[in-house]
């Protein structure tokens, strides 16, 4: 019987390398892709945990350690807090603001 951890590692490696196969010359390496996924998870977790931020309504995309935040926020204070929270996560090179300010009715 095979070691389940080894099997999972091989499957993960195949999945990551397969995801990159269709990309152009500017494609991320498997290591960059893995780093980006880890940063995305850490930023999303930080946003959900941050008081004053509706983290569940904010989408996070990461490409080569550059984080882009999408979604709706209810105030400039919430926007600023979300951007600062994302900047404070380890491994983040910069944060791009694509948040939309929507005033509550």
PDB file of N, CA and C in Angstrom:
ATOM      1  N   UNK A   1       0.841  -1.179   0.000  1.00  0.00           N
ATOM      2  CA  UNK A   1       0.000   0.000   0.000  1.00  0.00           C
ATOM      3  C   UNK A   1       0.888   1.245   0.000  1.00  0.00           C
ATOM      4  N   UNK A   2       0.503   2.232  -0.781  1.00  0.00           N
ATOM      5  CA  UNK A   2       1.306   3.455  -0.890  1.00  0.00           C
ATOM      6  C   UNK A   2       1.043   4.376   0.289  1.00  0.00           C
ATOM      7  N   UNK A   3       2.035   5.173   0.576  1.00  0.00           N
ATOM      8  CA  UNK A   3       1.916   6.172   1.627  1.00  0.00           C
ATOM      9  C   UNK A   3       0.938   7.252   1.160  1.00  0.00           C
ATOM     10  N   UNK A   4      -0.159   7.514   1.905  1.00  0.00           N
ATOM     11  CA  UNK A   4      -1.155   8.503   1.467  1.00  0.00           C
ATOM     12  C   UNK A   4      -0.589   9.910   1.326  1.00  0.00           C
ATOM     13  N   UNK A   5       0.389  10.245   2.140  1.00  0.00           N
ATOM     14  CA  UNK A   5       0.984  11.582   2.050  1.00  0.00           C
ATOM     15  C   UNK A   5       1.757  11.723   0.748  1.00  0.00           C
ATOM     16  N   UNK A   6       2.474  10.689   0.359  1.00  0.00           N
ATOM     17  CA  UNK A   6       3.215  10.724  -0.905  1.00  0.00           C
ATOM     18  C   UNK A   6       2.267  10.851  -2.088  1.00  0.00           C
ATOM     19  N   UNK A   7       1.170  10.126  -2.039  1.00  0.00           N
ATOM     20  CA  UNK A   7       0.182  10.190  -3.121  1.00  0.00           C
ATOM     21  C   UNK A   7      -0.407  11.592  -3.208  1.00  0.00           C
ATOM     22  N   UNK A   8      -0.752  12.190  -2.058  1.00  0.00           N
ATOM     23  CA  UNK A   8      -1.311  13.548  -2.066  1.00  0.00           C
ATOM     24  C   UNK A   8      -0.298  14.550  -2.609  1.00  0.00           C
ATOM     25  N   UNK A   9       0.978  14.380  -2.245  1.00  0.00           N
ATOM     26  CA  UNK A   9       2.016  15.284  -2.735  1.00  0.00           C
ATOM     27  C   UNK A   9       2.141  15.208  -4.250  1.00  0.00           C
ATOM     28  N   UNK A  10       2.141  13.998  -4.788  1.00  0.00           N
ATOM     29  CA  UNK A  10       2.247  13.817  -6.238  1.00  0.00           C
ATOM     30  C   UNK A  10       1.037  14.430  -6.938  1.00  0.00           C
ATOM     31  N   UNK A  11      -0.157  14.209  -6.398  1.00  0.00           N
ATOM     32  CA  UNK A  11      -1.365  14.781  -7.000  1.00  0.00           C
ATOM     33  C   UNK A  11      -1.332  16.307  -6.967  1.00  0.00           C
ATOM     34  N   UNK A  12      -0.882  16.872  -5.856  1.00  0.00           N
ATOM     35  CA  UNK A  12      -0.771  18.328  -5.756  1.00  0.00           C
ATOM     36  C   UNK A  12       0.246  18.866  -6.760  1.00  0.00           C
ATOM     37  N   UNK A  13       1.383  18.206  -6.879  1.00  0.00           N
ATOM     38  CA  UNK A  13       2.405  18.642  -7.828  1.00  0.00           C
ATOM     39  C   UNK A  13       1.877  18.592  -9.256  1.00  0.00           C
ATOM     40  N   UNK A  14       1.152  17.541  -9.593  1.00  0.00           N
ATOM     41  CA  UNK A  14       0.578  17.436 -10.936  1.00  0.00           C
ATOM     42  C   UNK A  14      -0.463  18.518 -11.180  1.00  0.00           C
ATOM     43  N   UNK A  15      -1.281  18.788 -10.179  1.00  0.00           N
ATOM     44  CA  UNK A  15      -2.321  19.808 -10.335  1.00  0.00           C
ATOM     45  C   UNK A  15      -1.708  21.183 -10.541  1.00  0.00           C
ATOM     46  N   UNK A  16      -0.691  21.501  -9.745  1.00  0.00           N
ATOM     47  CA  UNK A  16      -0.048  22.811  -9.857  1.00  0.00           C
ATOM     48  C   UNK A  16       0.655  22.948 -11.197  1.00  0.00           C
ATOM     49  N   UNK A  17       1.378  21.934 -11.609  1.00  0.00           N
ATOM     50  CA  UNK A  17       2.085  22.032 -12.885  1.00  0.00           C
ATOM     51  C   UNK A  17       1.105  22.039 -14.050  1.00  0.00           C
ATOM     52  N   UNK A  18       0.005  21.341 -13.931  1.00  0.00           N
ATOM     53  CA  UNK A  18      -1.005  21.328 -14.983  1.00  0.00           C
ATOM     54  C   UNK A  18      -1.681  22.668 -15.149  1.00  0.00           C
ATOM     55  N   UNK A  19      -1.849  23.375 -14.062  1.00  0.00           N
ATOM     56  CA  UNK A  19      -2.488  24.695 -14.124  1.00  0.00           C
ATOM     57  C   UNK A  19      -1.634  25.684 -14.901  1.00  0.00           C
ATOM     58  N   UNK A  20      -0.341  25.457 -14.930  1.00  0.00           N
ATOM     59  CA  UNK A  20       0.552  26.401 -15.577  1.00  0.00           C
ATOM     60  C   UNK A  20       0.781  26.091 -17.049  1.00  0.00           C
ATOM     61  N   UNK A  21       0.346  24.941 -17.520  1.00  0.00           N
ATOM     62  CA  UNK A  21       0.673  24.500 -18.857  1.00  0.00           C
ATOM     63  C   UNK A  21       0.138  25.369 -19.979  1.00  0.00           C
ATOM     64  N   UNK A  22      -0.934  26.071 -19.775  1.00  0.00           N
ATOM     65  CA  UNK A  22      -1.549  26.853 -20.839  1.00  0.00           C
ATOM     66  C   UNK A  22      -1.109  28.308 -20.827  1.00  0.00           C
ATOM     67  N   UNK A  23      -0.297  28.706 -19.899  1.00  0.00           N
ATOM     68  CA  UNK A  23       0.090  30.104 -19.737  1.00  0.00           C
ATOM     69  C   UNK A  23       1.136  30.512 -20.759  1.00  0.00           C
ATOM     70  N   UNK A  24       1.267  31.815 -20.960  1.00  0.00           N
ATOM     71  CA  UNK A  24       2.231  32.363 -21.911  1.00  0.00           C
ATOM     72  C   UNK A  24       3.620  32.460 -21.275  1.00  0.00           C
ATOM     73  N   UNK A  25       4.520  33.192 -21.934  1.00  0.00           N
ATOM     74  CA  UNK A  25       5.878  33.349 -21.431  1.00  0.00           C
ATOM     75  C   UNK A  25       5.921  34.030 -20.067  1.00  0.00           C
ATOM     76  N   UNK A  26       4.910  34.798 -19.733  1.00  0.00           N
ATOM     77  CA  UNK A  26       4.886  35.496 -18.457  1.00  0.00           C
ATOM     78  C   UNK A  26       4.276  34.629 -17.358  1.00  0.00           C
ATOM     79  N   UNK A  27       4.227  33.327 -17.574  1.00  0.00           N
ATOM     80  CA  UNK A  27       3.617  32.407 -16.615  1.00  0.00           C
ATOM     81  C   UNK A  27       4.395  32.363 -15.308  1.00  0.00           C
ATOM     82  N   UNK A  28       3.674  32.101 -14.247  1.00  0.00           N
ATOM     83  CA  UNK A  28       4.303  31.917 -12.947  1.00  0.00           C
ATOM     84  C   UNK A  28       4.894  30.512 -12.884  1.00  0.00           C
ATOM     85  N   UNK A  29       5.958  30.391 -12.167  1.00  0.00           N
ATOM     86  CA  UNK A  29       6.522  29.072 -11.909  1.00  0.00           C
ATOM     87  C   UNK A  29       5.624  28.364 -10.900  1.00  0.00           C
ATOM     88  N   UNK A  30       5.744  27.050 -10.774  1.00  0.00           N
ATOM     89  CA  UNK A  30       4.966  26.361  -9.748  1.00  0.00           C
ATOM     90  C   UNK A  30       5.202  26.933  -8.348  1.00  0.00           C
ATOM     91  N   UNK A  31       6.425  27.346  -8.061  1.00  0.00           N
ATOM     92  CA  UNK A  31       6.731  27.949  -6.760  1.00  0.00           C
ATOM     93  C   UNK A  31       6.011  29.271  -6.568  1.00  0.00           C
ATOM     94  N   UNK A  32       6.003  30.109  -7.612  1.00  0.00           N
ATOM     95  CA  UNK A  32       5.286  31.386  -7.529  1.00  0.00           C
ATOM     96  C   UNK A  32       3.792  31.155  -7.352  1.00  0.00           C
ATOM     97  N   UNK A  33       3.267  30.189  -8.086  1.00  0.00           N
ATOM     98  CA  UNK A  33       1.850  29.870  -7.981  1.00  0.00           C
ATOM     99  C   UNK A  33       1.505  29.441  -6.556  1.00  0.00           C
ATOM    100  N   UNK A  34       2.322  28.572  -5.993  1.00  0.00           N
ATOM    101  CA  UNK A  34       2.096  28.098  -4.627  1.00  0.00           C
ATOM    102  C   UNK A  34       2.201  29.244  -3.631  1.00  0.00           C
ATOM    103  N   UNK A  35       3.199  30.115  -3.797  1.00  0.00           N
ATOM    104  CA  UNK A  35       3.335  31.280  -2.921  1.00  0.00           C
ATOM    105  C   UNK A  35       2.108  32.174  -3.027  1.00  0.00           C
ATOM    106  N   UNK A  36       1.621  32.396  -4.243  1.00  0.00           N
ATOM    107  CA  UNK A  36       0.445  33.246  -4.443  1.00  0.00           C
ATOM    108  C   UNK A  36      -0.797  32.674  -3.765  1.00  0.00           C
ATOM    109  N   UNK A  37      -0.960  31.366  -3.843  1.00  0.00           N
ATOM    110  CA  UNK A  37      -2.113  30.725  -3.191  1.00  0.00           C
ATOM    111  C   UNK A  37      -2.009  30.897  -1.675  1.00  0.00           C
ATOM    112  N   UNK A  38      -0.809  30.727  -1.128  1.00  0.00           N
ATOM    113  CA  UNK A  38      -0.616  30.894   0.314  1.00  0.00           C
ATOM    114  C   UNK A  38      -0.897  32.333   0.736  1.00  0.00           C
ATOM    115  N   UNK A  39      -0.427  33.299  -0.050  1.00  0.00           N
ATOM    116  CA  UNK A  39      -0.680  34.710   0.259  1.00  0.00           C
ATOM    117  C   UNK A  39      -2.171  35.005   0.162  1.00  0.00           C
ATOM    118  N   UNK A  40      -2.829  34.490  -0.861  1.00  0.00           N
ATOM    119  CA  UNK A  40      -4.266  34.712  -1.035  1.00  0.00           C
ATOM    120  C   UNK A  40      -5.042  34.196   0.180  1.00  0.00           C
ATOM    121  N   UNK A  41      -4.702  33.019   0.638  1.00  0.00           N
ATOM    122  CA  UNK A  41      -5.370  32.432   1.803  1.00  0.00           C
ATOM    123  C   UNK A  41      -5.118  33.275   3.049  1.00  0.00           C
ATOM    124  N   UNK A  42      -3.882  33.709   3.240  1.00  0.00           N
ATOM    125  CA  UNK A  42      -3.538  34.505   4.420  1.00  0.00           C
ATOM    126  C   UNK A  42      -4.239  35.866   4.404  1.00  0.00           C
ATOM    127  N   UNK A  43      -4.298  36.501   3.236  1.00  0.00           N
ATOM    128  CA  UNK A  43      -4.966  37.810   3.136  1.00  0.00           C
ATOM    129  C   UNK A  43      -6.464  37.659   3.386  1.00  0.00           C
ATOM    130  N   UNK A  44      -7.087  36.671   2.768  1.00  0.00           N
ATOM    131  CA  UNK A  44      -8.527  36.470   2.951  1.00  0.00           C
ATOM    132  C   UNK A  44      -8.840  36.189   4.421  1.00  0.00           C
ATOM    133  N   UNK A  45      -8.039  35.366   5.060  1.00  0.00           N
ATOM    134  CA  UNK A  45      -8.232  35.070   6.479  1.00  0.00           C
ATOM    135  C   UNK A  45      -8.092  36.327   7.321  1.00  0.00           C
ATOM    136  N   UNK A  46      -7.083  37.131   7.037  1.00  0.00           N
ATOM    137  CA  UNK A  46      -6.866  38.373   7.785  1.00  0.00           C
ATOM    138  C   UNK A  46      -8.045  39.329   7.603  1.00  0.00           C
ATOM    139  N   UNK A  47      -8.574  39.415   6.383  1.00  0.00           N
ATOM    140  CA  UNK A  47      -9.716  40.305   6.130  1.00  0.00           C
ATOM    141  C   UNK A  47     -10.968  39.836   6.861  1.00  0.00           C
ATOM    142  N   UNK A  48     -11.203  38.543   6.882  1.00  0.00           N
ATOM    143  CA  UNK A  48     -12.381  38.010   7.575  1.00  0.00           C
ATOM    144  C   UNK A  48     -12.263  38.246   9.077  1.00  0.00           C
ATOM    145  N   UNK A  49     -11.065  38.147   9.609  1.00  0.00           N
ATOM    146  CA  UNK A  49     -10.854  38.318  11.055  1.00  0.00           C
ATOM    147  C   UNK A  49     -10.796  39.777  11.489  1.00  0.00           C
ATOM    148  N   UNK A  50     -10.514  40.686  10.574  1.00  0.00           N
ATOM    149  CA  UNK A  50     -10.321  42.097  10.930  1.00  0.00           C
ATOM    150  C   UNK A  50     -11.650  42.751  11.325  1.00  0.00           C
ATOM    151  N   UNK A  51     -11.650  43.363  12.485  1.00  0.00           N
ATOM    152  CA  UNK A  51     -12.837  44.101  12.915  1.00  0.00           C
ATOM    153  C   UNK A  51     -12.964  45.365  12.086  1.00  0.00           C
ATOM    154  N   UNK A  52     -14.172  45.639  11.634  1.00  0.00           N
ATOM    155  CA  UNK A  52     -14.405  46.829  10.831  1.00  0.00           C
ATOM    156  C   UNK A  52     -14.278  46.601   9.339  1.00  0.00           C
ATOM    157  N   UNK A  53     -14.011  45.355   8.949  1.00  0.00           N
ATOM    158  CA  UNK A  53     -13.898  45.021   7.530  1.00  0.00           C
ATOM    159  C   UNK A  53     -14.881  43.901   7.232  1.00  0.00           C
ATOM    160  N   UNK A  54     -15.697  44.086   6.196  1.00  0.00           N
ATOM    161  CA  UNK A  54     -16.590  43.018   5.746  1.00  0.00           C
ATOM    162  C   UNK A  54     -15.814  42.085   4.839  1.00  0.00           C
ATOM    163  N   UNK A  55     -14.901  41.329   5.433  1.00  0.00           N
ATOM    164  CA  UNK A  55     -13.966  40.511   4.674  1.00  0.00           C
ATOM    165  C   UNK A  55     -14.608  39.478   3.773  1.00  0.00           C
ATOM    166  N   UNK A  56     -15.795  39.030   4.118  1.00  0.00           N
ATOM    167  CA  UNK A  56     -16.466  38.028   3.291  1.00  0.00           C
ATOM    168  C   UNK A  56     -16.926  38.621   1.959  1.00  0.00           C
ATOM    169  N   UNK A  57     -17.083  39.933   1.900  1.00  0.00           N
ATOM    170  CA  UNK A  57     -17.538  40.597   0.672  1.00  0.00           C
ATOM    171  C   UNK A  57     -16.377  41.066  -0.200  1.00  0.00           C
ATOM    172  N   UNK A  58     -15.153  40.780   0.231  1.00  0.00           N
ATOM    173  CA  UNK A  58     -13.972  41.219  -0.518  1.00  0.00           C
ATOM    174  C   UNK A  58     -13.301  40.009  -1.151  1.00  0.00           C
ATOM    175  N   UNK A  59     -13.090  40.087  -2.447  1.00  0.00           N
ATOM    176  CA  UNK A  59     -12.391  39.025  -3.173  1.00  0.00           C
ATOM    177  C   UNK A  59     -10.909  39.386  -3.271  1.00  0.00           C
ATOM    178  N   UNK A  60     -10.083  38.365  -3.213  1.00  0.00           N
ATOM    179  CA  UNK A  60      -8.634  38.552  -3.210  1.00  0.00           C
ATOM    180  C   UNK A  60      -8.031  37.777  -4.373  1.00  0.00           C
ATOM    181  N   UNK A  61      -7.264  38.471  -5.203  1.00  0.00           N
ATOM    182  CA  UNK A  61      -6.500  37.824  -6.262  1.00  0.00           C
ATOM    183  C   UNK A  61      -5.029  38.157  -6.044  1.00  0.00           C
ATOM    184  N   UNK A  62      -4.162  37.200  -6.337  1.00  0.00           N
ATOM    185  CA  UNK A  62      -2.723  37.411  -6.141  1.00  0.00           C
ATOM    186  C   UNK A  62      -1.981  36.922  -7.374  1.00  0.00           C
ATOM    187  N   UNK A  63      -1.072  37.740  -7.853  1.00  0.00           N
ATOM    188  CA  UNK A  63      -0.218  37.370  -8.987  1.00  0.00           C
ATOM    189  C   UNK A  63       1.175  37.883  -8.690  1.00  0.00           C
ATOM    190  N   UNK A  64       2.097  36.942  -8.520  1.00  0.00           N
ATOM    191  CA  UNK A  64       3.491  37.272  -8.216  1.00  0.00           C
ATOM    192  C   UNK A  64       3.601  38.203  -7.011  1.00  0.00           C
ATOM    193  N   UNK A  65       2.883  37.848  -5.957  1.00  0.00           N
ATOM    194  CA  UNK A  65       2.891  38.529  -4.656  1.00  0.00           C
ATOM    195  C   UNK A  65       2.210  39.891  -4.666  1.00  0.00           C
ATOM    196  N   UNK A  66       1.605  40.288  -5.780  1.00  0.00           N
ATOM    197  CA  UNK A  66       0.835  41.531  -5.837  1.00  0.00           C
ATOM    198  C   UNK A  66      -0.628  41.170  -5.591  1.00  0.00           C
ATOM    199  N   UNK A  67      -1.183  41.733  -4.529  1.00  0.00           N
ATOM    200  CA  UNK A  67      -2.554  41.434  -4.109  1.00  0.00           C
ATOM    201  C   UNK A  67      -3.494  42.473  -4.709  1.00  0.00           C
ATOM    202  N   UNK A  68      -4.603  42.012  -5.284  1.00  0.00           N
ATOM    203  CA  UNK A  68      -5.649  42.901  -5.770  1.00  0.00           C
ATOM    204  C   UNK A  68      -6.921  42.586  -5.000  1.00  0.00           C
ATOM    205  N   UNK A  69      -7.513  43.623  -4.427  1.00  0.00           N
ATOM    206  CA  UNK A  69      -8.759  43.471  -3.680  1.00  0.00           C
ATOM    207  C   UNK A  69      -9.922  43.975  -4.520  1.00  0.00           C
ATOM    208  N   UNK A  70     -10.963  43.145  -4.642  1.00  0.00           N
ATOM    209  CA  UNK A  70     -12.184  43.473  -5.367  1.00  0.00           C
ATOM    210  C   UNK A  70     -13.355  43.337  -4.399  1.00  0.00           C
ATOM    211  N   UNK A  71     -14.385  44.113  -4.624  1.00  0.00           N
ATOM    212  CA  UNK A  71     -15.584  43.957  -3.815  1.00  0.00           C
ATOM    213  C   UNK A  71     -16.138  45.299  -3.399  1.00  0.00           C
ATOM    214  N   UNK A  72     -17.099  45.223  -2.500  1.00  0.00           N
ATOM    215  CA  UNK A  72     -17.783  46.434  -2.042  1.00  0.00           C
ATOM    216  C   UNK A  72     -17.484  46.702  -0.583  1.00  0.00           C
ATOM    217  N   UNK A  73     -17.240  47.961  -0.298  1.00  0.00           N
ATOM    218  CA  UNK A  73     -17.040  48.409   1.085  1.00  0.00           C
ATOM    219  C   UNK A  73     -18.014  49.539   1.370  1.00  0.00           C
ATOM    220  N   UNK A  74     -18.353  49.710   2.638  1.00  0.00           N
ATOM    221  CA  UNK A  74     -19.358  50.691   3.011  1.00  0.00           C
ATOM    222  C   UNK A  74     -18.819  52.066   3.362  1.00  0.00           C
ATOM    223  N   UNK A  75     -17.492  52.204   3.478  1.00  0.00           N
ATOM    224  CA  UNK A  75     -16.927  53.502   3.842  1.00  0.00           C
ATOM    225  C   UNK A  75     -15.460  53.566   3.442  1.00  0.00           C
ATOM    226  N   UNK A  76     -14.935  54.796   3.433  1.00  0.00           N
ATOM    227  CA  UNK A  76     -13.505  54.967   3.169  1.00  0.00           C
ATOM    228  C   UNK A  76     -12.676  54.352   4.283  1.00  0.00           C
ATOM    229  N   UNK A  77     -13.185  54.405   5.509  1.00  0.00           N
ATOM    230  CA  UNK A  77     -12.461  53.810   6.641  1.00  0.00           C
ATOM    231  C   UNK A  77     -12.349  52.298   6.456  1.00  0.00           C
ATOM    232  N   UNK A  78     -13.424  51.651   6.007  1.00  0.00           N
ATOM    233  CA  UNK A  78     -13.378  50.213   5.761  1.00  0.00           C
ATOM    234  C   UNK A  78     -12.393  49.891   4.635  1.00  0.00           C
ATOM    235  N   UNK A  79     -12.409  50.699   3.581  1.00  0.00           N
ATOM    236  CA  UNK A  79     -11.462  50.511   2.470  1.00  0.00           C
ATOM    237  C   UNK A  79     -10.028  50.602   2.966  1.00  0.00           C
ATOM    238  N   UNK A  80      -9.728  51.667   3.703  1.00  0.00           N
ATOM    239  CA  UNK A  80      -8.369  51.867   4.192  1.00  0.00           C
ATOM    240  C   UNK A  80      -7.920  50.742   5.114  1.00  0.00           C
ATOM    241  N   UNK A  81      -8.828  50.279   5.964  1.00  0.00           N
ATOM    242  CA  UNK A  81      -8.500  49.182   6.871  1.00  0.00           C
ATOM    243  C   UNK A  81      -8.255  47.880   6.101  1.00  0.00           C
ATOM    244  N   UNK A  82      -9.058  47.622   5.075  1.00  0.00           N
ATOM    245  CA  UNK A  82      -8.866  46.419   4.251  1.00  0.00           C
ATOM    246  C   UNK A  82      -7.521  46.470   3.538  1.00  0.00           C
ATOM    247  N   UNK A  83      -7.180  47.614   2.969  1.00  0.00           N
ATOM    248  CA  UNK A  83      -5.900  47.759   2.266  1.00  0.00           C
ATOM    249  C   UNK A  83      -4.726  47.600   3.229  1.00  0.00           C
ATOM    250  N   UNK A  84      -4.826  48.206   4.399  1.00  0.00           N
ATOM    251  CA  UNK A  84      -3.754  48.100   5.391  1.00  0.00           C
ATOM    252  C   UNK A  84      -3.613  46.668   5.894  1.00  0.00           C
ATOM    253  N   UNK A  85      -4.742  46.009   6.119  1.00  0.00           N
ATOM    254  CA  UNK A  85      -4.719  44.614   6.574  1.00  0.00           C
ATOM    255  C   UNK A  85      -4.013  43.740   5.552  1.00  0.00           C
ATOM    256  N   UNK A  86      -4.315  43.924   4.284  1.00  0.00           N
ATOM    257  CA  UNK A  86      -3.673  43.138   3.226  1.00  0.00           C
ATOM    258  C   UNK A  86      -2.176  43.432   3.154  1.00  0.00           C
ATOM    259  N   UNK A  87      -1.795  44.695   3.295  1.00  0.00           N
ATOM    260  CA  UNK A  87      -0.372  45.071   3.219  1.00  0.00           C
ATOM    261  C   UNK A  87       0.452  44.431   4.333  1.00  0.00           C
ATOM    262  N   UNK A  88      -0.181  44.189   5.474  1.00  0.00           N
ATOM    263  CA  UNK A  88       0.539  43.669   6.633  1.00  0.00           C
ATOM    264  C   UNK A  88       0.774  42.160   6.587  1.00  0.00           C
ATOM    265  N   UNK A  89       0.187  41.477   5.623  1.00  0.00           N
ATOM    266  CA  UNK A  89       0.381  40.029   5.508  1.00  0.00           C
ATOM    267  C   UNK A  89       1.770  39.756   4.928  1.00  0.00           C
ATOM    268  N   UNK A  90       2.467  38.811   5.513  1.00  0.00           N
ATOM    269  CA  UNK A  90       3.804  38.454   5.058  1.00  0.00           C
ATOM    270  C   UNK A  90       3.821  37.990   3.613  1.00  0.00           C
ATOM    271  N   UNK A  91       4.800  38.454   2.866  1.00  0.00           N
ATOM    272  CA  UNK A  91       4.960  38.039   1.477  1.00  0.00           C
ATOM    273  C   UNK A  91       4.280  38.934   0.467  1.00  0.00           C
ATOM    274  N   UNK A  92       3.465  39.877   0.916  1.00  0.00           N
ATOM    275  CA  UNK A  92       2.755  40.773   0.006  1.00  0.00           C
ATOM    276  C   UNK A  92       3.712  41.855  -0.480  1.00  0.00           C
ATOM    277  N   UNK A  93       3.872  41.950  -1.804  1.00  0.00           N
ATOM    278  CA  UNK A  93       4.762  42.963  -2.387  1.00  0.00           C
ATOM    279  C   UNK A  93       4.061  44.319  -2.465  1.00  0.00           C
ATOM    280  N   UNK A  94       2.799  44.308  -2.890  1.00  0.00           N
ATOM    281  CA  UNK A  94       2.001  45.532  -2.973  1.00  0.00           C
ATOM    282  C   UNK A  94       0.531  45.144  -3.047  1.00  0.00           C
ATOM    283  N   UNK A  95      -0.331  46.150  -2.862  1.00  0.00           N
ATOM    284  CA  UNK A  95      -1.775  45.918  -2.882  1.00  0.00           C
ATOM    285  C   UNK A  95      -2.418  46.884  -3.869  1.00  0.00           C
ATOM    286  N   UNK A  96      -3.248  46.344  -4.760  1.00  0.00           N
ATOM    287  CA  UNK A  96      -3.981  47.141  -5.747  1.00  0.00           C
ATOM    288  C   UNK A  96      -5.422  47.254  -5.264  1.00  0.00           C
ATOM    289  N   UNK A  97      -5.927  48.474  -5.252  1.00  0.00           N
ATOM    290  CA  UNK A  97      -7.276  48.760  -4.761  1.00  0.00           C
ATOM    291  C   UNK A  97      -8.268  48.768  -5.914  1.00  0.00           C
ATOM    292  N   UNK A  98      -9.122  47.782  -5.959  1.00  0.00           N
ATOM    293  CA  UNK A  98     -10.232  47.725  -6.918  1.00  0.00           C
ATOM    294  C   UNK A  98     -11.554  47.631  -6.157  1.00  0.00           C
ATOM    295  N   UNK A  99     -11.543  48.154  -4.930  1.00  0.00           N
ATOM    296  CA  UNK A  99     -12.742  48.130  -4.093  1.00  0.00           C
ATOM    297  C   UNK A  99     -13.707  49.224  -4.527  1.00  0.00           C
ATOM    298  N   UNK A 100     -14.985  48.939  -4.419  1.00  0.00           N
ATOM    299  CA  UNK A 100     -16.031  49.893  -4.783  1.00  0.00           C
ATOM    300  C   UNK A 100     -16.710  50.380  -3.521  1.00  0.00           C
ATOM    301  N   UNK A 101     -16.797  51.691  -3.381  1.00  0.00           N
ATOM    302  CA  UNK A 101     -17.473  52.294  -2.236  1.00  0.00           C
ATOM    303  C   UNK A 101     -18.972  52.331  -2.497  1.00  0.00           C
ATOM    304  N   UNK A 102     -19.730  51.675  -1.645  1.00  0.00           N
ATOM    305  CA  UNK A 102     -21.179  51.633  -1.746  1.00  0.00           C
ATOM    306  C   UNK A 102     -21.735  52.119  -0.428  1.00  0.00           C
ATOM    307  N   UNK A 103     -22.366  53.279  -0.454  1.00  0.00           N
ATOM    308  CA  UNK A 103     -22.937  53.849   0.757  1.00  0.00           C
ATOM    309  C   UNK A 103     -24.196  53.066   1.143  1.00  0.00           C
ATOM    310  N   UNK A 104     -24.333  52.701   2.418  1.00  0.00           N
ATOM    311  CA  UNK A 104     -25.553  52.014   2.845  1.00  0.00           C
ATOM    312  C   UNK A 104     -26.752  52.947   2.716  1.00  0.00           C
ATOM    313  N   UNK A 105     -27.913  52.342   2.426  1.00  0.00           N
ATOM    314  CA  UNK A 105     -29.142  53.147   2.262  1.00  0.00           C
ATOM    315  C   UNK A 105     -29.615  53.727   3.564  1.00  0.00           C
TER     316      UNK A 105
END
